[in-house]
Amino acid sequence: MNNKIGALWLKTSVKGNKFMSGEIELNNEKFRVVVFKNDKDGVETRPDYQIFLSEDQEQKTERKTAEEEIDIADISF
């Protein structure tokens, strides 16, 4: 039995912050994720790392295009 669900790569942002990026697979569906070190502010009950779903570049472009197509005049108040 293979228990592997994905893989992460250690990366460095343009600001010099380290984070992990990768892909996990659950129920035959793949998800891109990013993992950031959590700023615990001295609170030990906070997690050390947080995991977020990550949009790929194509999804970001589609979302931005959809947002640009919305005309404020089309929104009724």
N, C-alpha and C. Protein backbone atom coordinates (compact mmCIF):
# COMPACT_ATOMS: atom_id res chain seq x y z
N MET A 1 0.85 -1.19 0.00
CA MET A 1 0.00 0.00 0.00
C MET A 1 0.88 1.24 0.00
N ASN A 2 0.56 2.16 -0.88
CA ASN A 2 1.32 3.39 -0.99
C ASN A 2 0.55 4.50 -0.27
N ASN A 3 1.12 5.06 0.78
CA ASN A 3 0.46 6.10 1.57
C ASN A 3 0.82 7.51 1.11
N LYS A 4 1.64 7.62 0.08
CA LYS A 4 2.05 8.94 -0.40
C LYS A 4 0.86 9.66 -1.02
N ILE A 5 0.65 10.93 -0.62
CA ILE A 5 -0.43 11.72 -1.21
C ILE A 5 0.09 12.94 -1.97
N GLY A 6 1.39 13.17 -1.96
CA GLY A 6 1.92 14.32 -2.68
C GLY A 6 3.36 14.59 -2.35
N ALA A 7 3.81 15.77 -2.79
CA ALA A 7 5.19 16.17 -2.58
C ALA A 7 5.27 17.68 -2.46
N LEU A 8 6.28 18.16 -1.73
CA LEU A 8 6.49 19.60 -1.53
C LEU A 8 7.94 19.95 -1.86
N TRP A 9 8.13 21.15 -2.36
CA TRP A 9 9.46 21.66 -2.65
C TRP A 9 9.68 22.91 -1.83
N LEU A 10 10.86 23.03 -1.25
CA LEU A 10 11.23 24.21 -0.48
C LEU A 10 11.63 25.31 -1.45
N LYS A 11 11.03 26.50 -1.28
CA LYS A 11 11.30 27.63 -2.17
C LYS A 11 11.58 28.88 -1.34
N THR A 12 12.07 29.90 -2.00
CA THR A 12 12.32 31.19 -1.36
C THR A 12 11.63 32.27 -2.17
N SER A 13 10.82 33.11 -1.50
CA SER A 13 10.11 34.19 -2.18
C SER A 13 11.09 35.28 -2.57
N VAL A 14 10.62 36.22 -3.39
CA VAL A 14 11.46 37.35 -3.80
C VAL A 14 11.87 38.20 -2.61
N LYS A 15 11.08 38.16 -1.52
CA LYS A 15 11.41 38.90 -0.29
C LYS A 15 12.33 38.10 0.63
N GLY A 16 12.70 36.87 0.22
CA GLY A 16 13.61 36.06 1.02
C GLY A 16 12.95 35.13 2.02
N ASN A 17 11.62 35.06 2.01
CA ASN A 17 10.91 34.17 2.93
C ASN A 17 10.86 32.75 2.37
N LYS A 18 11.10 31.77 3.22
CA LYS A 18 11.05 30.38 2.78
C LYS A 18 9.62 29.86 2.91
N PHE A 19 9.21 29.04 1.94
CA PHE A 19 7.90 28.40 1.95
C PHE A 19 8.00 27.11 1.15
N MET A 20 6.97 26.30 1.22
CA MET A 20 6.92 25.07 0.44
C MET A 20 5.78 25.14 -0.55
N SER A 21 5.96 24.53 -1.70
CA SER A 21 4.95 24.51 -2.74
C SER A 21 4.91 23.11 -3.31
N GLY A 22 3.71 22.63 -3.63
CA GLY A 22 3.62 21.30 -4.21
C GLY A 22 2.21 20.93 -4.56
N GLU A 23 2.00 19.62 -4.65
CA GLU A 23 0.72 19.09 -5.07
C GLU A 23 0.38 17.89 -4.21
N ILE A 24 -0.90 17.80 -3.83
CA ILE A 24 -1.38 16.62 -3.12
C ILE A 24 -2.52 16.02 -3.92
N GLU A 25 -2.75 14.72 -3.74
CA GLU A 25 -3.84 14.05 -4.42
C GLU A 25 -4.70 13.34 -3.39
N LEU A 26 -5.99 13.68 -3.40
CA LEU A 26 -6.96 13.07 -2.50
C LEU A 26 -8.16 12.62 -3.32
N ASN A 27 -8.56 11.38 -3.15
CA ASN A 27 -9.72 10.84 -3.88
C ASN A 27 -9.59 11.07 -5.38
N ASN A 28 -8.41 10.82 -5.92
CA ASN A 28 -8.12 10.95 -7.36
C ASN A 28 -8.27 12.38 -7.88
N GLU A 29 -8.21 13.38 -7.00
CA GLU A 29 -8.25 14.78 -7.41
C GLU A 29 -6.98 15.46 -6.92
N LYS A 30 -6.31 16.20 -7.80
CA LYS A 30 -5.05 16.86 -7.45
C LYS A 30 -5.30 18.30 -7.03
N PHE A 31 -4.56 18.72 -6.00
CA PHE A 31 -4.66 20.07 -5.47
C PHE A 31 -3.27 20.66 -5.34
N ARG A 32 -3.09 21.88 -5.83
CA ARG A 32 -1.83 22.60 -5.63
C ARG A 32 -1.92 23.28 -4.28
N VAL A 33 -0.85 23.20 -3.50
CA VAL A 33 -0.83 23.79 -2.17
C VAL A 33 0.45 24.57 -1.94
N VAL A 34 0.38 25.51 -1.00
CA VAL A 34 1.56 26.20 -0.50
C VAL A 34 1.52 26.10 1.02
N VAL A 35 2.70 26.06 1.62
CA VAL A 35 2.82 25.92 3.08
C VAL A 35 3.72 27.03 3.59
N PHE A 36 3.21 27.78 4.57
CA PHE A 36 3.96 28.88 5.15
C PHE A 36 4.17 28.66 6.64
N LYS A 37 5.33 29.08 7.13
CA LYS A 37 5.59 29.05 8.57
C LYS A 37 4.65 30.05 9.23
N ASN A 38 4.03 29.64 10.32
CA ASN A 38 3.06 30.47 11.02
C ASN A 38 3.77 31.36 12.03
N ASP A 39 3.39 32.63 12.05
CA ASP A 39 3.90 33.55 13.07
C ASP A 39 3.07 33.31 14.33
N LYS A 40 3.64 32.60 15.28
CA LYS A 40 2.90 32.17 16.46
C LYS A 40 2.72 33.27 17.50
N ASP A 41 3.47 34.34 17.39
CA ASP A 41 3.38 35.45 18.35
C ASP A 41 3.43 34.96 19.79
N GLY A 42 4.23 33.95 20.05
CA GLY A 42 4.38 33.44 21.41
C GLY A 42 3.25 32.56 21.90
N VAL A 43 2.27 32.28 21.06
CA VAL A 43 1.14 31.43 21.45
C VAL A 43 1.44 30.00 20.99
N GLU A 44 1.80 29.15 21.94
CA GLU A 44 2.24 27.79 21.62
C GLU A 44 1.13 26.90 21.05
N THR A 45 -0.13 27.25 21.25
CA THR A 45 -1.22 26.42 20.72
C THR A 45 -1.47 26.65 19.24
N ARG A 46 -0.88 27.69 18.66
CA ARG A 46 -1.00 27.93 17.22
C ARG A 46 -0.12 26.95 16.47
N PRO A 47 -0.56 26.54 15.27
CA PRO A 47 0.25 25.57 14.49
C PRO A 47 1.57 26.19 14.03
N ASP A 48 2.55 25.33 13.80
CA ASP A 48 3.85 25.80 13.32
C ASP A 48 3.81 26.21 11.85
N TYR A 49 2.96 25.51 11.06
CA TYR A 49 2.84 25.78 9.63
C TYR A 49 1.37 25.81 9.25
N GLN A 50 1.05 26.57 8.18
CA GLN A 50 -0.31 26.61 7.66
C GLN A 50 -0.28 26.21 6.19
N ILE A 51 -1.29 25.45 5.75
CA ILE A 51 -1.40 24.95 4.38
C ILE A 51 -2.55 25.66 3.69
N PHE A 52 -2.29 26.15 2.48
CA PHE A 52 -3.31 26.85 1.70
C PHE A 52 -3.41 26.23 0.31
N LEU A 53 -4.62 26.18 -0.23
CA LEU A 53 -4.79 25.80 -1.62
C LEU A 53 -4.22 26.91 -2.48
N SER A 54 -3.59 26.55 -3.57
CA SER A 54 -2.93 27.52 -4.43
C SER A 54 -3.54 27.48 -5.83
N GLU A 55 -3.88 28.64 -6.36
CA GLU A 55 -4.35 28.71 -7.74
C GLU A 55 -3.16 28.62 -8.67
N ASP A 56 -3.32 27.89 -9.77
CA ASP A 56 -2.25 27.91 -10.76
C ASP A 56 -2.39 29.18 -11.60
N GLN A 57 -1.42 29.48 -12.42
CA GLN A 57 -1.39 30.73 -13.16
C GLN A 57 -2.60 30.87 -14.08
N GLU A 58 -3.05 29.77 -14.68
CA GLU A 58 -4.20 29.81 -15.58
C GLU A 58 -5.47 30.20 -14.82
N GLN A 59 -5.66 29.65 -13.61
CA GLN A 59 -6.83 29.99 -12.79
C GLN A 59 -6.80 31.47 -12.41
N LYS A 60 -5.62 31.98 -12.05
CA LYS A 60 -5.49 33.40 -11.68
C LYS A 60 -5.87 34.29 -12.85
N THR A 61 -5.41 33.93 -14.05
CA THR A 61 -5.70 34.72 -15.24
C THR A 61 -7.19 34.71 -15.54
N GLU A 62 -7.83 33.52 -15.44
CA GLU A 62 -9.27 33.41 -15.68
C GLU A 62 -10.05 34.23 -14.66
N ARG A 63 -9.67 34.18 -13.38
CA ARG A 63 -10.37 34.92 -12.34
C ARG A 63 -10.22 36.42 -12.57
N LYS A 64 -8.99 36.86 -12.90
CA LYS A 64 -8.75 38.29 -13.13
C LYS A 64 -9.55 38.78 -14.33
N THR A 65 -9.59 37.99 -15.40
CA THR A 65 -10.36 38.36 -16.59
C THR A 65 -11.84 38.47 -16.25
N ALA A 66 -12.36 37.53 -15.48
CA ALA A 66 -13.77 37.56 -15.08
C ALA A 66 -14.06 38.79 -14.23
N GLU A 67 -13.14 39.14 -13.34
CA GLU A 67 -13.33 40.33 -12.51
C GLU A 67 -13.32 41.60 -13.34
N GLU A 68 -12.47 41.64 -14.37
CA GLU A 68 -12.38 42.82 -15.22
C GLU A 68 -13.63 42.99 -16.07
N GLU A 69 -14.33 41.90 -16.37
CA GLU A 69 -15.52 41.96 -17.21
C GLU A 69 -16.73 42.50 -16.47
N ILE A 70 -16.66 42.58 -15.16
CA ILE A 70 -17.79 43.09 -14.37
C ILE A 70 -17.80 44.61 -14.44
N ASP A 71 -18.92 45.15 -14.89
CA ASP A 71 -19.09 46.61 -14.96
C ASP A 71 -19.91 47.04 -13.75
N ILE A 72 -19.43 48.00 -13.01
CA ILE A 72 -20.12 48.47 -11.79
C ILE A 72 -21.55 48.91 -12.12
N ALA A 73 -21.78 49.40 -13.33
CA ALA A 73 -23.13 49.84 -13.72
C ALA A 73 -24.10 48.66 -13.80
N ASP A 74 -23.57 47.44 -13.97
CA ASP A 74 -24.41 46.25 -14.08
C ASP A 74 -24.87 45.75 -12.71
N ILE A 75 -24.32 46.29 -11.64
CA ILE A 75 -24.67 45.84 -10.30
C ILE A 75 -25.78 46.72 -9.76
N SER A 76 -26.91 46.09 -9.41
CA SER A 76 -28.02 46.87 -8.87
C SER A 76 -27.90 46.95 -7.35
N PHE A 77 -28.16 48.11 -6.84
CA PHE A 77 -28.09 48.32 -5.39
C PHE A 77 -29.44 48.55 -4.82
